[in-house]
Amino acid sequence: MAVLEISQLKKTFGTQLVLEDVTFSVEKGSVYGFIGKNGAGKTTTMTIALGLLKADEGDVRINGEVVQYGDTKTNQHIGYLPDVPEFYSFLTAREYMELCVEISGLEKKRGRKKVLELLEMVGLEDNKKRIKHYSRGMKQRLGIAQALINEPLLLICDEPTSALDPIGRQQLLSVLQKVKEQTTVIFSTHILSDVEAICDEVAILNDGRIVKQGTVKQLKAEMSSEKWSVLFESEEDADMLYESLITDKTLKAVVRTTSSVEGSAADAKAAMAALLDNMNRLKVVPVKVERKEATMEEVFLEAIR
């Protein structure tokens, strides 16, 4: 069952087209990566999904309910983590979370238990510091805990790792892996390694249009048949093969690394035949010839080209 369904969204600001025919759905229990370069339309889409911005055309459904602009009742099903969450910085994490419980209307005893569970999940259960002394990564983790207080069906994370250092990013991704066991997550980002680390499915947005979507495995597999690598013990052999292959029209993007030659081809069988023919002619013997799995960065760059 789809927790979030977005259908044929269109949005303009003045004469600028920001979203055009954006359509995708997020299945229950998945982490969905909504990726694109800065300005692609990711935040605009999320803001429409929250009922805070009106689309020109199309509709959004949360758990089957239509999202209406200005009517945020569907937000009872949503937890939201913006890229820069705001807090009452003079409070501790526990004090802040207990305040959020009061506002949410949760029963007091259940709310206190929930606060302790969530702070433990995000690694802040023993932290006595005031929030004003928190690092950016700690604030993001607290933001996730806050977003989960109402036990949402969907957690929307808008560029949550964009300003974090490598340690902060790793800690946040670790928390999101735990969150995945409790709720569905949509994760907008332009950091492709994060997508590979945590997402099940992906939609790639470019200039307001979805240009590719599918599971991470599918999208990488579509490109993997085109990529190859030949590893040598001898750098001289690698040089010889490289010089021979750069003029072969069957192959493209041929590059030379320390002890290997790599590239891609539109036809995997033709590429392998060309490699074998060239190696036989040159009498060079590789250590290994392999098809190389694409990265999400390569998938993304190919999709927006």
C-alpha atoms as a PDB file:
ATOM      1  CA  MET A   1       0.000   0.000   0.000  1.00  0.00           C
ATOM      2  CA  ALA A   2       1.243   3.490  -0.870  1.00  0.00           C
ATOM      3  CA  VAL A   3       1.573   5.849   2.095  1.00  0.00           C
ATOM      4  CA  LEU A   4       2.317   8.808  -0.202  1.00  0.00           C
ATOM      5  CA  GLU A   5       0.917   9.202  -3.727  1.00  0.00           C
ATOM      6  CA  ILE A   6       1.870  12.191  -5.856  1.00  0.00           C
ATOM      7  CA  SER A   7       0.171  12.509  -9.234  1.00  0.00           C
ATOM      8  CA  GLN A   8       0.907  14.895 -12.114  1.00  0.00           C
ATOM      9  CA  LEU A   9       2.018  17.832  -9.964  1.00  0.00           C
ATOM     10  CA  LYS A  10       2.609  21.098 -11.759  1.00  0.00           C
ATOM     11  CA  LYS A  11       3.788  24.314 -10.126  1.00  0.00           C
ATOM     12  CA  THR A  12       4.900  27.664 -11.487  1.00  0.00           C
ATOM     13  CA  PHE A  13       6.210  30.757  -9.751  1.00  0.00           C
ATOM     14  CA  GLY A  14       5.323  33.615 -12.071  1.00  0.00           C
ATOM     15  CA  THR A  15       6.625  32.581 -15.483  1.00  0.00           C
ATOM     16  CA  GLN A  16       9.061  30.022 -14.069  1.00  0.00           C
ATOM     17  CA  LEU A  17       8.004  26.377 -14.348  1.00  0.00           C
ATOM     18  CA  VAL A  18       9.170  24.647 -11.149  1.00  0.00           C
ATOM     19  CA  LEU A  19       7.373  21.272 -11.319  1.00  0.00           C
ATOM     20  CA  GLU A  20       5.972  19.507 -14.388  1.00  0.00           C
ATOM     21  CA  ASP A  21       4.014  16.222 -14.283  1.00  0.00           C
ATOM     22  CA  VAL A  22       5.729  14.963 -11.101  1.00  0.00           C
ATOM     23  CA  THR A  23       4.294  11.510 -10.345  1.00  0.00           C
ATOM     24  CA  PHE A  24       5.525   8.868  -7.902  1.00  0.00           C
ATOM     25  CA  SER A  25       4.370   6.826  -4.904  1.00  0.00           C
ATOM     26  CA  VAL A  26       6.075   5.680  -1.705  1.00  0.00           C
ATOM     27  CA  GLU A  27       5.202   2.213  -0.431  1.00  0.00           C
ATOM     28  CA  LYS A  28       4.720   1.430   3.244  1.00  0.00           C
ATOM     29  CA  GLY A  29       7.896   0.397   5.073  1.00  0.00           C
ATOM     30  CA  SER A  30      10.341   1.746   2.479  1.00  0.00           C
ATOM     31  CA  VAL A  31      12.932   4.517   2.404  1.00  0.00           C
ATOM     32  CA  TYR A  32      12.346   6.540  -0.753  1.00  0.00           C
ATOM     33  CA  GLY A  33      15.084   8.763  -2.111  1.00  0.00           C
ATOM     34  CA  PHE A  34      13.907  11.942  -3.828  1.00  0.00           C
ATOM     35  CA  ILE A  35      17.069  13.236  -5.415  1.00  0.00           C
ATOM     36  CA  GLY A  36      18.126  16.122  -7.575  1.00  0.00           C
ATOM     37  CA  LYS A  37      20.586  18.974  -7.740  1.00  0.00           C
ATOM     38  CA  ASN A  38      19.915  22.172  -5.797  1.00  0.00           C
ATOM     39  CA  GLY A  39      16.909  23.984  -7.251  1.00  0.00           C
ATOM     40  CA  ALA A  40      15.465  20.876  -8.936  1.00  0.00           C
ATOM     41  CA  GLY A  41      12.126  21.220  -7.108  1.00  0.00           C
ATOM     42  CA  LYS A  42      12.538  18.788  -4.206  1.00  0.00           C
ATOM     43  CA  THR A  43      11.569  21.185  -1.407  1.00  0.00           C
ATOM     44  CA  THR A  44       8.677  22.593  -3.453  1.00  0.00           C
ATOM     45  CA  THR A  45       7.274  19.067  -3.838  1.00  0.00           C
ATOM     46  CA  MET A  46       7.622  18.357  -0.112  1.00  0.00           C
ATOM     47  CA  THR A  47       5.960  21.672   0.794  1.00  0.00           C
ATOM     48  CA  ILE A  48       2.976  20.832  -1.418  1.00  0.00           C
ATOM     49  CA  ALA A  49       2.770  17.388   0.230  1.00  0.00           C
ATOM     50  CA  LEU A  50       2.528  19.138   3.606  1.00  0.00           C
ATOM     51  CA  GLY A  51      -0.392  21.287   2.413  1.00  0.00           C
ATOM     52  CA  LEU A  52       1.638  24.472   2.830  1.00  0.00           C
ATOM     53  CA  LEU A  53       1.880  25.365  -0.863  1.00  0.00           C
ATOM     54  CA  LYS A  54      -0.778  25.127  -3.567  1.00  0.00           C
ATOM     55  CA  ALA A  55      -0.037  23.169  -6.731  1.00  0.00           C
ATOM     56  CA  ASP A  56      -1.294  24.534 -10.056  1.00  0.00           C
ATOM     57  CA  GLU A  57      -2.313  21.027 -11.124  1.00  0.00           C
ATOM     58  CA  GLY A  58      -2.203  17.463  -9.786  1.00  0.00           C
ATOM     59  CA  ASP A  59      -2.858  15.999  -6.375  1.00  0.00           C
ATOM     60  CA  VAL A  60      -1.212  14.446  -3.340  1.00  0.00           C
ATOM     61  CA  ARG A  61      -2.624  11.702  -1.116  1.00  0.00           C
ATOM     62  CA  ILE A  62      -1.367  10.690   2.323  1.00  0.00           C
ATOM     63  CA  ASN A  63      -2.652   7.276   3.408  1.00  0.00           C
ATOM     64  CA  GLY A  64      -5.384   7.632   0.777  1.00  0.00           C
ATOM     65  CA  GLU A  65      -6.535  11.089   1.962  1.00  0.00           C
ATOM     66  CA  VAL A  66      -6.277  14.015  -0.456  1.00  0.00           C
ATOM     67  CA  VAL A  67      -3.984  16.795   0.782  1.00  0.00           C
ATOM     68  CA  GLN A  68      -5.723  20.173   0.538  1.00  0.00           C
ATOM     69  CA  TYR A  69      -3.786  23.436   0.516  1.00  0.00           C
ATOM     70  CA  GLY A  70      -4.316  25.260   3.809  1.00  0.00           C
ATOM     71  CA  ASP A  71      -5.974  22.248   5.448  1.00  0.00           C
ATOM     72  CA  THR A  72      -3.224  20.387   7.281  1.00  0.00           C
ATOM     73  CA  LYS A  73      -5.321  17.611   8.849  1.00  0.00           C
ATOM     74  CA  THR A  74      -3.388  15.035   6.795  1.00  0.00           C
ATOM     75  CA  ASN A  75      -0.247  16.172   8.640  1.00  0.00           C
ATOM     76  CA  GLN A  76      -1.368  14.069  11.602  1.00  0.00           C
ATOM     77  CA  HIS A  77       0.082  11.183   9.581  1.00  0.00           C
ATOM     78  CA  ILE A  78       3.381  12.988   8.892  1.00  0.00           C
ATOM     79  CA  GLY A  79       6.589  13.670  10.764  1.00  0.00           C
ATOM     80  CA  TYR A  80       8.755  16.377   9.181  1.00  0.00           C
ATOM     81  CA  LEU A  81      12.478  17.074   9.471  1.00  0.00           C
ATOM     82  CA  PRO A  82      13.541  20.278   7.655  1.00  0.00           C
ATOM     83  CA  ASP A  83      17.143  20.847   6.637  1.00  0.00           C
ATOM     84  CA  VAL A  84      17.540  23.332   9.532  1.00  0.00           C
ATOM     85  CA  PRO A  85      15.239  22.356  12.438  1.00  0.00           C
ATOM     86  CA  GLU A  86      14.500  25.025  15.060  1.00  0.00           C
ATOM     87  CA  PHE A  87      14.258  24.451  18.828  1.00  0.00           C
ATOM     88  CA  TYR A  88      13.931  26.323  22.116  1.00  0.00           C
ATOM     89  CA  SER A  89      17.684  26.270  22.565  1.00  0.00           C
ATOM     90  CA  PHE A  90      17.654  27.048  26.318  1.00  0.00           C
ATOM     91  CA  LEU A  91      16.063  23.630  27.012  1.00  0.00           C
ATOM     92  CA  THR A  92      17.687  20.206  27.226  1.00  0.00           C
ATOM     93  CA  ALA A  93      16.624  17.533  24.731  1.00  0.00           C
ATOM     94  CA  ARG A  94      14.437  15.831  27.311  1.00  0.00           C
ATOM     95  CA  GLU A  95      12.778  19.087  28.388  1.00  0.00           C
ATOM     96  CA  TYR A  96      12.094  20.001  24.777  1.00  0.00           C
ATOM     97  CA  MET A  97      10.666  16.582  23.939  1.00  0.00           C
ATOM     98  CA  GLU A  98       8.403  16.654  27.015  1.00  0.00           C
ATOM     99  CA  LEU A  99       7.111  20.057  25.884  1.00  0.00           C
ATOM    100  CA  CYS A 100       6.357  18.583  22.447  1.00  0.00           C
ATOM    101  CA  VAL A 101       4.466  15.717  24.107  1.00  0.00           C
ATOM    102  CA  GLU A 102       2.276  18.231  25.978  1.00  0.00           C
ATOM    103  CA  ILE A 103       1.522  20.110  22.775  1.00  0.00           C
ATOM    104  CA  SER A 104       0.735  16.879  20.906  1.00  0.00           C
ATOM    105  CA  GLY A 105      -1.884  15.859  23.464  1.00  0.00           C
ATOM    106  CA  LEU A 106      -0.345  12.463  24.218  1.00  0.00           C
ATOM    107  CA  GLU A 107      -1.298  10.963  27.581  1.00  0.00           C
ATOM    108  CA  LYS A 108       1.392  12.012  30.102  1.00  0.00           C
ATOM    109  CA  LYS A 109       2.656   8.583  31.196  1.00  0.00           C
ATOM    110  CA  ARG A 110       2.742   7.245  27.653  1.00  0.00           C
ATOM    111  CA  GLY A 111       4.368  10.461  26.466  1.00  0.00           C
ATOM    112  CA  ARG A 112       7.216  10.237  28.982  1.00  0.00           C
ATOM    113  CA  LYS A 113       7.896   6.653  27.948  1.00  0.00           C
ATOM    114  CA  LYS A 114       7.882   7.707  24.294  1.00  0.00           C
ATOM    115  CA  VAL A 115      10.359  10.524  25.006  1.00  0.00           C
ATOM    116  CA  LEU A 116      12.830   8.117  26.635  1.00  0.00           C
ATOM    117  CA  GLU A 117      12.477   5.593  23.803  1.00  0.00           C
ATOM    118  CA  LEU A 118      13.040   8.196  21.090  1.00  0.00           C
ATOM    119  CA  LEU A 119      15.990   9.899  22.807  1.00  0.00           C
ATOM    120  CA  GLU A 120      17.615   6.498  23.261  1.00  0.00           C
ATOM    121  CA  MET A 121      17.050   5.666  19.590  1.00  0.00           C
ATOM    122  CA  VAL A 122      18.774   8.873  18.436  1.00  0.00           C
ATOM    123  CA  GLY A 123      21.598   8.583  20.999  1.00  0.00           C
ATOM    124  CA  LEU A 124      20.679  11.602  23.141  1.00  0.00           C
ATOM    125  CA  GLU A 125      19.181   9.871  26.198  1.00  0.00           C
ATOM    126  CA  ASP A 126      22.035  10.820  28.562  1.00  0.00           C
ATOM    127  CA  ASN A 127      22.836  14.248  27.160  1.00  0.00           C
ATOM    128  CA  LYS A 128      22.363  16.987  29.773  1.00  0.00           C
ATOM    129  CA  LYS A 129      23.535  19.881  27.577  1.00  0.00           C
ATOM    130  CA  ARG A 130      21.252  22.723  26.569  1.00  0.00           C
ATOM    131  CA  ILE A 131      20.292  22.464  22.908  1.00  0.00           C
ATOM    132  CA  LYS A 132      22.180  25.699  22.156  1.00  0.00           C
ATOM    133  CA  HIS A 133      25.406  23.756  22.763  1.00  0.00           C
ATOM    134  CA  TYR A 134      24.494  20.947  20.335  1.00  0.00           C
ATOM    135  CA  SER A 135      26.353  20.284  17.103  1.00  0.00           C
ATOM    136  CA  ARG A 136      24.419  20.415  13.817  1.00  0.00           C
ATOM    137  CA  GLY A 137      24.309  16.614  13.725  1.00  0.00           C
ATOM    138  CA  MET A 138      22.912  16.376  17.259  1.00  0.00           C
ATOM    139  CA  LYS A 139      20.191  18.875  16.343  1.00  0.00           C
ATOM    140  CA  GLN A 140      19.248  16.814  13.298  1.00  0.00           C
ATOM    141  CA  ARG A 141      18.960  13.678  15.444  1.00  0.00           C
ATOM    142  CA  LEU A 142      16.808  15.557  17.952  1.00  0.00           C
ATOM    143  CA  GLY A 143      14.696  16.762  15.024  1.00  0.00           C
ATOM    144  CA  ILE A 144      14.047  13.148  14.031  1.00  0.00           C
ATOM    145  CA  ALA A 145      13.013  12.281  17.597  1.00  0.00           C
ATOM    146  CA  GLN A 146      10.615  15.241  17.632  1.00  0.00           C
ATOM    147  CA  ALA A 147       9.162  14.267  14.243  1.00  0.00           C
ATOM    148  CA  LEU A 148       8.370  10.759  15.512  1.00  0.00           C
ATOM    149  CA  ILE A 149       6.462  11.762  18.668  1.00  0.00           C
ATOM    150  CA  ASN A 150       3.056  11.365  17.015  1.00  0.00           C
ATOM    151  CA  GLU A 151       4.024   7.946  15.563  1.00  0.00           C
ATOM    152  CA  PRO A 152       3.602   9.127  11.952  1.00  0.00           C
ATOM    153  CA  LEU A 153       2.933   6.870   8.981  1.00  0.00           C
ATOM    154  CA  LEU A 154       5.414   8.923   6.956  1.00  0.00           C
ATOM    155  CA  LEU A 155       8.600  10.781   7.901  1.00  0.00           C
ATOM    156  CA  ILE A 156       9.627  13.483   5.415  1.00  0.00           C
ATOM    157  CA  CYS A 157      13.313  14.418   5.627  1.00  0.00           C
ATOM    158  CA  ASP A 158      14.247  17.446   3.524  1.00  0.00           C
ATOM    159  CA  GLU A 159      18.014  17.528   2.853  1.00  0.00           C
ATOM    160  CA  PRO A 160      18.791  16.270   6.398  1.00  0.00           C
ATOM    161  CA  THR A 161      22.495  15.536   5.811  1.00  0.00           C
ATOM    162  CA  SER A 162      23.412  18.442   3.520  1.00  0.00           C
ATOM    163  CA  ALA A 163      25.364  20.504   6.088  1.00  0.00           C
ATOM    164  CA  LEU A 164      26.748  17.685   8.244  1.00  0.00           C
ATOM    165  CA  ASP A 165      30.348  16.533   8.530  1.00  0.00           C
ATOM    166  CA  PRO A 166      31.097  12.851   7.668  1.00  0.00           C
ATOM    167  CA  ILE A 167      30.663  11.682  11.282  1.00  0.00           C
ATOM    168  CA  GLY A 168      27.384  13.579  11.703  1.00  0.00           C
ATOM    169  CA  ARG A 169      26.097  12.178   8.403  1.00  0.00           C
ATOM    170  CA  GLN A 170      26.973   8.623   9.397  1.00  0.00           C
ATOM    171  CA  GLN A 171      25.253   9.012  12.769  1.00  0.00           C
ATOM    172  CA  LEU A 172      22.114  10.423  11.154  1.00  0.00           C
ATOM    173  CA  LEU A 173      21.968   7.661   8.535  1.00  0.00           C
ATOM    174  CA  SER A 174      22.345   5.099  11.311  1.00  0.00           C
ATOM    175  CA  VAL A 175      19.347   6.644  13.089  1.00  0.00           C
ATOM    176  CA  LEU A 176      17.306   6.603   9.868  1.00  0.00           C
ATOM    177  CA  GLN A 177      18.053   2.893   9.458  1.00  0.00           C
ATOM    178  CA  LYS A 178      16.379   2.363  12.847  1.00  0.00           C
ATOM    179  CA  VAL A 179      13.482   4.662  11.937  1.00  0.00           C
ATOM    180  CA  LYS A 180      12.895   2.536   8.832  1.00  0.00           C
ATOM    181  CA  GLU A 181      11.722  -0.293  11.114  1.00  0.00           C
ATOM    182  CA  GLN A 182       8.929   1.909  12.507  1.00  0.00           C
ATOM    183  CA  THR A 183       7.706   4.130   9.691  1.00  0.00           C
ATOM    184  CA  THR A 184       7.979   4.962   5.994  1.00  0.00           C
ATOM    185  CA  VAL A 185      10.605   7.563   5.061  1.00  0.00           C
ATOM    186  CA  ILE A 186      10.964   9.926   2.111  1.00  0.00           C
ATOM    187  CA  PHE A 187      14.451  11.345   1.985  1.00  0.00           C
ATOM    188  CA  SER A 188      15.241  14.290  -0.298  1.00  0.00           C
ATOM    189  CA  THR A 189      18.924  14.876  -0.955  1.00  0.00           C
ATOM    190  CA  HIS A 190      21.619  15.631  -3.497  1.00  0.00           C
ATOM    191  CA  ILE A 191      24.219  13.466  -1.692  1.00  0.00           C
ATOM    192  CA  LEU A 192      24.269  10.268  -3.737  1.00  0.00           C
ATOM    193  CA  SER A 193      26.316   8.137  -1.327  1.00  0.00           C
ATOM    194  CA  ASP A 194      23.539   8.638   1.255  1.00  0.00           C
ATOM    195  CA  VAL A 195      21.024   7.297  -1.260  1.00  0.00           C
ATOM    196  CA  GLU A 196      23.087   4.128  -1.751  1.00  0.00           C
ATOM    197  CA  ALA A 197      23.445   3.703   2.011  1.00  0.00           C
ATOM    198  CA  ILE A 198      19.788   3.893   2.979  1.00  0.00           C
ATOM    199  CA  CYS A 199      17.233   4.098   0.150  1.00  0.00           C
ATOM    200  CA  ASP A 200      15.166   1.274  -1.333  1.00  0.00           C
ATOM    201  CA  GLU A 201      13.636   3.241  -4.207  1.00  0.00           C
ATOM    202  CA  VAL A 202      14.571   6.486  -5.912  1.00  0.00           C
ATOM    203  CA  ALA A 203      13.086   9.212  -8.098  1.00  0.00           C
ATOM    204  CA  ILE A 204      15.526  11.535  -9.865  1.00  0.00           C
ATOM    205  CA  LEU A 205      14.229  15.080 -10.352  1.00  0.00           C
ATOM    206  CA  ASN A 206      15.810  17.388 -12.914  1.00  0.00           C
ATOM    207  CA  ASP A 207      14.540  20.895 -13.647  1.00  0.00           C
ATOM    208  CA  GLY A 208      11.162  20.049 -12.109  1.00  0.00           C
ATOM    209  CA  ARG A 209      10.627  16.762 -13.975  1.00  0.00           C
ATOM    210  CA  ILE A 210      11.181  13.169 -12.881  1.00  0.00           C
ATOM    211  CA  VAL A 211      13.637  11.744 -15.393  1.00  0.00           C
ATOM    212  CA  LYS A 212      14.203   8.326 -13.817  1.00  0.00           C
ATOM    213  CA  GLN A 213      12.729   6.208 -11.031  1.00  0.00           C
ATOM    214  CA  GLY A 214      12.949   2.661  -9.697  1.00  0.00           C
ATOM    215  CA  THR A 215      14.727   0.642  -7.029  1.00  0.00           C
ATOM    216  CA  VAL A 216      18.378   1.440  -6.362  1.00  0.00           C
ATOM    217  CA  LYS A 217      19.233  -2.085  -7.497  1.00  0.00           C
ATOM    218  CA  GLN A 218      17.326  -1.704 -10.777  1.00  0.00           C
ATOM    219  CA  LEU A 219      18.788   1.686 -11.645  1.00  0.00           C
ATOM    220  CA  LYS A 220      22.342   0.515 -11.006  1.00  0.00           C
ATOM    221  CA  ALA A 221      21.790  -2.743 -12.914  1.00  0.00           C
ATOM    222  CA  GLU A 222      20.567  -0.838 -15.979  1.00  0.00           C
ATOM    223  CA  MET A 223      23.972   0.827 -16.228  1.00  0.00           C
ATOM    224  CA  SER A 224      26.116  -2.065 -14.995  1.00  0.00           C
ATOM    225  CA  SER A 225      25.810  -3.954 -18.295  1.00  0.00           C
ATOM    226  CA  GLU A 226      27.596  -1.051 -19.988  1.00  0.00           C
ATOM    227  CA  LYS A 227      30.576  -0.789 -17.637  1.00  0.00           C
ATOM    228  CA  TRP A 228      33.731  -2.926 -17.622  1.00  0.00           C
ATOM    229  CA  SER A 229      37.181  -3.044 -16.048  1.00  0.00           C
ATOM    230  CA  VAL A 230      40.398  -4.892 -16.983  1.00  0.00           C
ATOM    231  CA  LEU A 231      43.023  -5.297 -14.250  1.00  0.00           C
ATOM    232  CA  PHE A 232      46.715  -5.984 -15.004  1.00  0.00           C
ATOM    233  CA  GLU A 233      49.804  -6.801 -12.954  1.00  0.00           C
ATOM    234  CA  SER A 234      51.916  -4.973 -15.516  1.00  0.00           C
ATOM    235  CA  GLU A 235      51.387  -1.238 -15.976  1.00  0.00           C
ATOM    236  CA  GLU A 236      53.025  -1.594 -19.398  1.00  0.00           C
ATOM    237  CA  ASP A 237      50.290  -4.041 -20.475  1.00  0.00           C
ATOM    238  CA  ALA A 238      47.637  -1.647 -19.176  1.00  0.00           C
ATOM    239  CA  ASP A 239      49.227   1.182 -21.196  1.00  0.00           C
ATOM    240  CA  MET A 240      49.252  -0.920 -24.374  1.00  0.00           C
ATOM    241  CA  LEU A 241      45.601  -1.905 -24.054  1.00  0.00           C
ATOM    242  CA  TYR A 242      44.556   1.656 -23.233  1.00  0.00           C
ATOM    243  CA  GLU A 243      46.306   3.069 -26.312  1.00  0.00           C
ATOM    244  CA  SER A 244      44.596   0.444 -28.450  1.00  0.00           C
ATOM    245  CA  LEU A 245      41.110   0.929 -27.005  1.00  0.00           C
ATOM    246  CA  ILE A 246      40.858   4.722 -27.133  1.00  0.00           C
ATOM    247  CA  THR A 247      40.412   4.519 -30.916  1.00  0.00           C
ATOM    248  CA  ASP A 248      37.897   1.633 -30.798  1.00  0.00           C
ATOM    249  CA  LYS A 249      34.451   3.016 -31.704  1.00  0.00           C
ATOM    250  CA  THR A 250      32.691   0.105 -29.945  1.00  0.00           C
ATOM    251  CA  LEU A 251      33.815   1.501 -26.589  1.00  0.00           C
ATOM    252  CA  LYS A 252      33.363   4.846 -24.874  1.00  0.00           C
ATOM    253  CA  ALA A 253      34.719   6.732 -21.854  1.00  0.00           C
ATOM    254  CA  VAL A 254      37.907   4.620 -21.801  1.00  0.00           C
ATOM    255  CA  VAL A 255      40.126   5.655 -18.864  1.00  0.00           C
ATOM    256  CA  ARG A 256      43.465   4.489 -17.503  1.00  0.00           C
ATOM    257  CA  THR A 257      43.970   4.034 -13.750  1.00  0.00           C
ATOM    258  CA  THR A 258      47.108   2.833 -11.925  1.00  0.00           C
ATOM    259  CA  SER A 259      46.918  -0.796 -13.064  1.00  0.00           C
ATOM    260  CA  SER A 260      43.649  -1.093 -14.935  1.00  0.00           C
ATOM    261  CA  VAL A 261      41.722   0.104 -17.964  1.00  0.00           C
ATOM    262  CA  GLU A 262      38.030   0.959 -17.547  1.00  0.00           C
ATOM    263  CA  GLY A 263      35.223   2.134 -19.751  1.00  0.00           C
ATOM    264  CA  SER A 264      31.684   1.558 -20.971  1.00  0.00           C
ATOM    265  CA  ALA A 265      29.794   0.523 -24.087  1.00  0.00           C
ATOM    266  CA  ALA A 266      26.264   0.629 -25.424  1.00  0.00           C
ATOM    267  CA  ASP A 267      26.443  -3.117 -26.178  1.00  0.00           C
ATOM    268  CA  ALA A 268      27.967  -5.332 -23.460  1.00  0.00           C
ATOM    269  CA  LYS A 269      28.605  -8.303 -25.832  1.00  0.00           C
ATOM    270  CA  ALA A 270      30.280  -6.121 -28.439  1.00  0.00           C
ATOM    271  CA  ALA A 271      32.401  -4.521 -25.705  1.00  0.00           C
ATOM    272  CA  MET A 272      33.617  -7.896 -24.442  1.00  0.00           C
ATOM    273  CA  ALA A 273      34.418  -9.045 -27.990  1.00  0.00           C
ATOM    274  CA  ALA A 274      36.410  -5.850 -28.605  1.00  0.00           C
ATOM    275  CA  LEU A 275      38.338  -6.286 -25.359  1.00  0.00           C
ATOM    276  CA  LEU A 276      39.236  -9.919 -26.110  1.00  0.00           C
ATOM    277  CA  ASP A 277      40.244  -9.128 -29.710  1.00  0.00           C
ATOM    278  CA  ASN A 278      42.524  -6.311 -28.596  1.00  0.00           C
ATOM    279  CA  MET A 279      44.124  -8.338 -25.781  1.00  0.00           C
ATOM    280  CA  ASN A 280      44.755 -11.311 -28.116  1.00  0.00           C
ATOM    281  CA  ARG A 281      46.304  -9.073 -30.749  1.00  0.00           C
ATOM    282  CA  LEU A 282      48.538  -7.340 -28.185  1.00  0.00           C
ATOM    283  CA  LYS A 283      49.275 -10.630 -26.362  1.00  0.00           C
ATOM    284  CA  VAL A 284      48.569  -9.072 -22.959  1.00  0.00           C
ATOM    285  CA  VAL A 285      47.180 -11.205 -20.128  1.00  0.00           C
ATOM    286  CA  PRO A 286      44.959  -9.520 -17.529  1.00  0.00           C
ATOM    287  CA  VAL A 287      44.570 -10.539 -13.895  1.00  0.00           C
ATOM    288  CA  LYS A 288      40.820  -9.951 -14.093  1.00  0.00           C
ATOM    289  CA  VAL A 289      38.148  -8.785 -16.529  1.00  0.00           C
ATOM    290  CA  GLU A 290      34.834  -7.796 -14.978  1.00  0.00           C
ATOM    291  CA  ARG A 291      31.606  -5.930 -15.435  1.00  0.00           C
ATOM    292  CA  LYS A 292      31.596  -3.056 -13.019  1.00  0.00           C
ATOM    293  CA  GLU A 293      28.580  -2.047 -10.926  1.00  0.00           C
ATOM    294  CA  ALA A 294      27.505   1.526 -11.455  1.00  0.00           C
ATOM    295  CA  THR A 295      27.313   3.958  -8.551  1.00  0.00           C
ATOM    296  CA  MET A 296      24.257   6.106  -7.875  1.00  0.00           C
ATOM    297  CA  GLU A 297      26.371   9.123  -8.768  1.00  0.00           C
ATOM    298  CA  GLU A 298      26.878   7.681 -12.263  1.00  0.00           C
ATOM    299  CA  VAL A 299      23.168   6.821 -12.538  1.00  0.00           C
ATOM    300  CA  PHE A 300      22.267  10.376 -11.518  1.00  0.00           C
ATOM    301  CA  LEU A 301      24.696  12.086 -13.902  1.00  0.00           C
ATOM    302  CA  GLU A 302      23.509   9.922 -16.799  1.00  0.00           C
ATOM    303  CA  ALA A 303      19.848  10.682 -15.980  1.00  0.00           C
ATOM    304  CA  ILE A 304      20.244  14.477 -15.941  1.00  0.00           C
ATOM    305  CA  ARG A 305      22.565  14.662 -18.949  1.00  0.00           C
END
